[in-house]
Amino acid sequence: MAAPAYVAPVVITAFWVIVGAVLPFFVPKGPNKGWLCTYIAQLNPLFGPQVNNVTLSLMYNSTF
């Protein structure tokens, strides 16, 4: 018998809730705790910066 279609998204969401909301409480205090929480928050952003084509072209062709 196959699982209902909503089971996979619920399990994946529950996993990331545990990783993002529970595990940071177990990270010892130190200089890297803020970095770790920032890294976890930016691992899989739902949306990124919205850049129009002209700005993107300027960024791509710019030299530093």
PDB file of N, CA and C in Angstrom:
ATOM      1  N   MET A   1       0.844  -1.182   0.000  1.00  0.00           N
ATOM      2  CA  MET A   1       0.000   0.000   0.000  1.00  0.00           C
ATOM      3  C   MET A   1       0.890   1.246   0.000  1.00  0.00           C
ATOM      4  N   ALA A   2       0.643   2.153  -0.891  1.00  0.00           N
ATOM      5  CA  ALA A   2       1.429   3.371  -1.015  1.00  0.00           C
ATOM      6  C   ALA A   2       0.957   4.417  -0.005  1.00  0.00           C
ATOM      7  N   ALA A   3       1.905   5.233   0.423  1.00  0.00           N
ATOM      8  CA  ALA A   3       1.585   6.308   1.353  1.00  0.00           C
ATOM      9  C   ALA A   3       0.863   7.431   0.611  1.00  0.00           C
ATOM     10  N   PRO A   4       0.016   8.184   1.293  1.00  0.00           N
ATOM     11  CA  PRO A   4      -0.651   9.329   0.645  1.00  0.00           C
ATOM     12  C   PRO A   4       0.382  10.348   0.156  1.00  0.00           C
ATOM     13  N   ALA A   5      -0.007  11.159  -0.776  1.00  0.00           N
ATOM     14  CA  ALA A   5       0.903  12.111  -1.417  1.00  0.00           C
ATOM     15  C   ALA A   5       1.450  13.155  -0.456  1.00  0.00           C
ATOM     16  N   TYR A   6       0.754  13.450   0.616  1.00  0.00           N
ATOM     17  CA  TYR A   6       1.204  14.501   1.527  1.00  0.00           C
ATOM     18  C   TYR A   6       2.245  14.015   2.534  1.00  0.00           C
ATOM     19  N   VAL A   7       2.512  12.735   2.607  1.00  0.00           N
ATOM     20  CA  VAL A   7       3.423  12.206   3.623  1.00  0.00           C
ATOM     21  C   VAL A   7       4.856  12.673   3.378  1.00  0.00           C
ATOM     22  N   ALA A   8       5.335  12.613   2.155  1.00  0.00           N
ATOM     23  CA  ALA A   8       6.718  13.001   1.865  1.00  0.00           C
ATOM     24  C   ALA A   8       6.993  14.470   2.210  1.00  0.00           C
ATOM     25  N   PRO A   9       6.164  15.427   1.768  1.00  0.00           N
ATOM     26  CA  PRO A   9       6.429  16.820   2.148  1.00  0.00           C
ATOM     27  C   PRO A   9       6.358  17.048   3.661  1.00  0.00           C
ATOM     28  N   VAL A  10       5.462  16.358   4.342  1.00  0.00           N
ATOM     29  CA  VAL A  10       5.351  16.522   5.796  1.00  0.00           C
ATOM     30  C   VAL A  10       6.608  15.991   6.485  1.00  0.00           C
ATOM     31  N   VAL A  11       7.105  14.857   6.044  1.00  0.00           N
ATOM     32  CA  VAL A  11       8.314  14.281   6.652  1.00  0.00           C
ATOM     33  C   VAL A  11       9.525  15.173   6.393  1.00  0.00           C
ATOM     34  N   ILE A  12       9.670  15.655   5.171  1.00  0.00           N
ATOM     35  CA  ILE A  12      10.799  16.526   4.849  1.00  0.00           C
ATOM     36  C   ILE A  12      10.708  17.834   5.629  1.00  0.00           C
ATOM     37  N   THR A  13       9.528  18.409   5.721  1.00  0.00           N
ATOM     38  CA  THR A  13       9.351  19.641   6.490  1.00  0.00           C
ATOM     39  C   THR A  13       9.651  19.418   7.960  1.00  0.00           C
ATOM     40  N   ALA A  14       9.198  18.309   8.520  1.00  0.00           N
ATOM     41  CA  ALA A  14       9.470  18.010   9.922  1.00  0.00           C
ATOM     42  C   ALA A  14      10.968  17.858  10.165  1.00  0.00           C
ATOM     43  N   PHE A  15      11.662  17.218   9.246  1.00  0.00           N
ATOM     44  CA  PHE A  15      13.115  17.076   9.374  1.00  0.00           C
ATOM     45  C   PHE A  15      13.795  18.440   9.436  1.00  0.00           C
ATOM     46  N   TRP A  16      13.435  19.345   8.509  1.00  0.00           N
ATOM     47  CA  TRP A  16      14.087  20.650   8.476  1.00  0.00           C
ATOM     48  C   TRP A  16      13.658  21.542   9.640  1.00  0.00           C
ATOM     49  N   VAL A  17      12.467  21.342  10.170  1.00  0.00           N
ATOM     50  CA  VAL A  17      12.074  22.066  11.385  1.00  0.00           C
ATOM     51  C   VAL A  17      12.964  21.642  12.539  1.00  0.00           C
ATOM     52  N   ILE A  18      13.237  20.361  12.635  1.00  0.00           N
ATOM     53  CA  ILE A  18      14.126  19.879  13.697  1.00  0.00           C
ATOM     54  C   ILE A  18      15.533  20.443  13.500  1.00  0.00           C
ATOM     55  N   VAL A  19      16.038  20.397  12.277  1.00  0.00           N
ATOM     56  CA  VAL A  19      17.388  20.904  12.008  1.00  0.00           C
ATOM     57  C   VAL A  19      17.473  22.406  12.267  1.00  0.00           C
ATOM     58  N   GLY A  20      16.482  23.149  11.831  1.00  0.00           N
ATOM     59  CA  GLY A  20      16.555  24.609  11.927  1.00  0.00           C
ATOM     60  C   GLY A  20      16.075  25.203  13.219  1.00  0.00           C
ATOM     61  N   ALA A  21      15.164  24.539  13.916  1.00  0.00           N
ATOM     62  CA  ALA A  21      14.576  25.131  15.125  1.00  0.00           C
ATOM     63  C   ALA A  21      15.045  24.465  16.409  1.00  0.00           C
ATOM     64  N   VAL A  22      15.381  23.193  16.352  1.00  0.00           N
ATOM     65  CA  VAL A  22      15.728  22.474  17.580  1.00  0.00           C
ATOM     66  C   VAL A  22      17.242  22.340  17.742  1.00  0.00           C
ATOM     67  N   LEU A  23      17.934  21.916  16.709  1.00  0.00           N
ATOM     68  CA  LEU A  23      19.364  21.659  16.828  1.00  0.00           C
ATOM     69  C   LEU A  23      20.208  22.878  17.201  1.00  0.00           C
ATOM     70  N   PRO A  24      19.879  24.107  16.750  1.00  0.00           N
ATOM     71  CA  PRO A  24      20.693  25.247  17.183  1.00  0.00           C
ATOM     72  C   PRO A  24      20.742  25.434  18.704  1.00  0.00           C
ATOM     73  N   PHE A  25      19.741  24.938  19.426  1.00  0.00           N
ATOM     74  CA  PHE A  25      19.782  25.037  20.881  1.00  0.00           C
ATOM     75  C   PHE A  25      20.840  24.126  21.478  1.00  0.00           C
ATOM     76  N   PHE A  26      21.269  23.116  20.752  1.00  0.00           N
ATOM     77  CA  PHE A  26      22.264  22.181  21.250  1.00  0.00           C
ATOM     78  C   PHE A  26      23.682  22.524  20.815  1.00  0.00           C
ATOM     79  N   VAL A  27      23.845  23.539  19.971  1.00  0.00           N
ATOM     80  CA  VAL A  27      25.171  23.967  19.552  1.00  0.00           C
ATOM     81  C   VAL A  27      25.776  24.773  20.700  1.00  0.00           C
ATOM     82  N   PRO A  28      26.992  24.407  21.142  1.00  0.00           N
ATOM     83  CA  PRO A  28      27.588  25.130  22.266  1.00  0.00           C
ATOM     84  C   PRO A  28      27.891  26.585  21.895  1.00  0.00           C
ATOM     85  N   LYS A  29      27.855  27.445  22.899  1.00  0.00           N
ATOM     86  CA  LYS A  29      28.149  28.851  22.660  1.00  0.00           C
ATOM     87  C   LYS A  29      29.603  28.992  22.250  1.00  0.00           C
ATOM     88  N   GLY A  30      29.831  29.813  21.297  1.00  0.00           N
ATOM     89  CA  GLY A  30      31.179  30.027  20.795  1.00  0.00           C
ATOM     90  C   GLY A  30      31.147  30.998  19.635  1.00  0.00           C
ATOM     91  N   PRO A  31      32.313  31.264  19.059  1.00  0.00           N
ATOM     92  CA  PRO A  31      32.362  32.253  17.982  1.00  0.00           C
ATOM     93  C   PRO A  31      31.680  31.803  16.697  1.00  0.00           C
ATOM     94  N   ASN A  32      31.446  30.508  16.548  1.00  0.00           N
ATOM     95  CA  ASN A  32      30.871  30.011  15.300  1.00  0.00           C
ATOM     96  C   ASN A  32      29.377  29.746  15.381  1.00  0.00           C
ATOM     97  N   LYS A  33      28.749  29.957  16.519  1.00  0.00           N
ATOM     98  CA  LYS A  33      27.323  29.657  16.638  1.00  0.00           C
ATOM     99  C   LYS A  33      26.487  30.551  15.721  1.00  0.00           C
ATOM    100  N   GLY A  34      26.778  31.826  15.684  1.00  0.00           N
ATOM    101  CA  GLY A  34      26.049  32.737  14.800  1.00  0.00           C
ATOM    102  C   GLY A  34      26.257  32.388  13.347  1.00  0.00           C
ATOM    103  N   TRP A  35      27.502  32.021  13.015  1.00  0.00           N
ATOM    104  CA  TRP A  35      27.796  31.611  11.630  1.00  0.00           C
ATOM    105  C   TRP A  35      27.018  30.363  11.258  1.00  0.00           C
ATOM    106  N   LEU A  36      26.956  29.400  12.163  1.00  0.00           N
ATOM    107  CA  LEU A  36      26.247  28.158  11.878  1.00  0.00           C
ATOM    108  C   LEU A  36      24.763  28.415  11.646  1.00  0.00           C
ATOM    109  N   CYS A  37      24.152  29.224  12.486  1.00  0.00           N
ATOM    110  CA  CYS A  37      22.721  29.519  12.323  1.00  0.00           C
ATOM    111  C   CYS A  37      22.469  30.282  11.022  1.00  0.00           C
ATOM    112  N   THR A  38      23.359  31.198  10.664  1.00  0.00           N
ATOM    113  CA  THR A  38      23.215  31.930   9.411  1.00  0.00           C
ATOM    114  C   THR A  38      23.358  30.989   8.214  1.00  0.00           C
ATOM    115  N   TYR A  39      24.316  30.077   8.301  1.00  0.00           N
ATOM    116  CA  TYR A  39      24.533  29.123   7.216  1.00  0.00           C
ATOM    117  C   TYR A  39      23.314  28.226   7.028  1.00  0.00           C
ATOM    118  N   ILE A  40      22.764  27.733   8.122  1.00  0.00           N
ATOM    119  CA  ILE A  40      21.591  26.872   8.035  1.00  0.00           C
ATOM    120  C   ILE A  40      20.412  27.642   7.446  1.00  0.00           C
ATOM    121  N   ALA A  41      20.253  28.906   7.824  1.00  0.00           N
ATOM    122  CA  ALA A  41      19.130  29.703   7.333  1.00  0.00           C
ATOM    123  C   ALA A  41      19.231  29.952   5.829  1.00  0.00           C
ATOM    124  N   GLN A  42      20.450  29.951   5.284  1.00  0.00           N
ATOM    125  CA  GLN A  42      20.620  30.259   3.874  1.00  0.00           C
ATOM    126  C   GLN A  42      20.897  29.023   3.026  1.00  0.00           C
ATOM    127  N   LEU A  43      20.783  27.850   3.589  1.00  0.00           N
ATOM    128  CA  LEU A  43      21.058  26.633   2.838  1.00  0.00           C
ATOM    129  C   LEU A  43      20.136  26.467   1.640  1.00  0.00           C
ATOM    130  N   ASN A  44      18.876  26.654   1.859  1.00  0.00           N
ATOM    131  CA  ASN A  44      17.902  26.433   0.799  1.00  0.00           C
ATOM    132  C   ASN A  44      16.857  27.548   0.839  1.00  0.00           C
ATOM    133  N   PRO A  45      17.231  28.729   0.352  1.00  0.00           N
ATOM    134  CA  PRO A  45      16.253  29.820   0.398  1.00  0.00           C
ATOM    135  C   PRO A  45      15.095  29.544  -0.561  1.00  0.00           C
ATOM    136  N   LEU A  46      13.928  29.956  -0.159  1.00  0.00           N
ATOM    137  CA  LEU A  46      12.754  29.747  -0.993  1.00  0.00           C
ATOM    138  C   LEU A  46      12.707  30.713  -2.171  1.00  0.00           C
ATOM    139  N   PHE A  47      13.281  31.885  -1.995  1.00  0.00           N
ATOM    140  CA  PHE A  47      13.350  32.839  -3.092  1.00  0.00           C
ATOM    141  C   PHE A  47      14.618  33.653  -2.904  1.00  0.00           C
ATOM    142  N   GLY A  48      15.174  34.086  -4.008  1.00  0.00           N
ATOM    143  CA  GLY A  48      16.419  34.842  -3.960  1.00  0.00           C
ATOM    144  C   GLY A  48      16.194  36.276  -4.370  1.00  0.00           C
ATOM    145  N   PRO A  49      17.282  36.987  -4.585  1.00  0.00           N
ATOM    146  CA  PRO A  49      17.142  38.376  -5.016  1.00  0.00           C
ATOM    147  C   PRO A  49      16.504  38.450  -6.403  1.00  0.00           C
ATOM    148  N   GLN A  50      15.672  39.425  -6.579  1.00  0.00           N
ATOM    149  CA  GLN A  50      14.991  39.620  -7.853  1.00  0.00           C
ATOM    150  C   GLN A  50      15.762  40.690  -8.632  1.00  0.00           C
ATOM    151  N   VAL A  51      16.484  40.275  -9.651  1.00  0.00           N
ATOM    152  CA  VAL A  51      17.317  41.178 -10.430  1.00  0.00           C
ATOM    153  C   VAL A  51      16.786  41.197 -11.860  1.00  0.00           C
ATOM    154  N   ASN A  52      16.600  42.410 -12.382  1.00  0.00           N
ATOM    155  CA  ASN A  52      16.116  42.480 -13.764  1.00  0.00           C
ATOM    156  C   ASN A  52      17.273  42.203 -14.733  1.00  0.00           C
ATOM    157  N   ASN A  53      16.948  42.032 -16.007  1.00  0.00           N
ATOM    158  CA  ASN A  53      17.941  41.616 -17.003  1.00  0.00           C
ATOM    159  C   ASN A  53      19.044  42.646 -17.219  1.00  0.00           C
ATOM    160  N   VAL A  54      18.735  43.919 -17.155  1.00  0.00           N
ATOM    161  CA  VAL A  54      19.747  44.955 -17.368  1.00  0.00           C
ATOM    162  C   VAL A  54      20.769  44.911 -16.233  1.00  0.00           C
ATOM    163  N   THR A  55      20.305  44.855 -15.018  1.00  0.00           N
ATOM    164  CA  THR A  55      21.211  44.786 -13.872  1.00  0.00           C
ATOM    165  C   THR A  55      22.034  43.502 -13.909  1.00  0.00           C
ATOM    166  N   LEU A  56      21.416  42.407 -14.253  1.00  0.00           N
ATOM    167  CA  LEU A  56      22.126  41.137 -14.350  1.00  0.00           C
ATOM    168  C   LEU A  56      23.213  41.196 -15.410  1.00  0.00           C
ATOM    169  N   SER A  57      22.908  41.807 -16.546  1.00  0.00           N
ATOM    170  CA  SER A  57      23.898  41.955 -17.608  1.00  0.00           C
ATOM    171  C   SER A  57      25.061  42.827 -17.150  1.00  0.00           C
ATOM    172  N   LEU A  58      24.760  43.914 -16.448  1.00  0.00           N
ATOM    173  CA  LEU A  58      25.823  44.776 -15.927  1.00  0.00           C
ATOM    174  C   LEU A  58      26.691  44.037 -14.912  1.00  0.00           C
ATOM    175  N   MET A  59      26.085  43.253 -14.069  1.00  0.00           N
ATOM    176  CA  MET A  59      26.844  42.485 -13.085  1.00  0.00           C
ATOM    177  C   MET A  59      27.719  41.441 -13.771  1.00  0.00           C
ATOM    178  N   TYR A  60      27.191  40.802 -14.783  1.00  0.00           N
ATOM    179  CA  TYR A  60      27.920  39.748 -15.485  1.00  0.00           C
ATOM    180  C   TYR A  60      29.119  40.320 -16.243  1.00  0.00           C
ATOM    181  N   ASN A  61      28.946  41.480 -16.849  1.00  0.00           N
ATOM    182  CA  ASN A  61      29.999  42.067 -17.686  1.00  0.00           C
ATOM    183  C   ASN A  61      30.934  42.997 -16.929  1.00  0.00           C
ATOM    184  N   SER A  62      30.713  43.223 -15.665  1.00  0.00           N
ATOM    185  CA  SER A  62      31.573  44.142 -14.915  1.00  0.00           C
ATOM    186  C   SER A  62      32.903  43.473 -14.604  1.00  0.00           C
ATOM    187  N   THR A  63      33.930  44.292 -14.490  1.00  0.00           N
ATOM    188  CA  THR A  63      35.256  43.798 -14.106  1.00  0.00           C
ATOM    189  C   THR A  63      35.648  44.471 -12.806  1.00  0.00           C
ATOM    190  N   PHE A  64      36.262  43.712 -11.976  1.00  0.00           N
ATOM    191  CA  PHE A  64      36.659  44.261 -10.672  1.00  0.00           C
ATOM    192  C   PHE A  64      38.128  44.524 -10.630  1.00  0.00           C
TER     193      PHE A  64
END
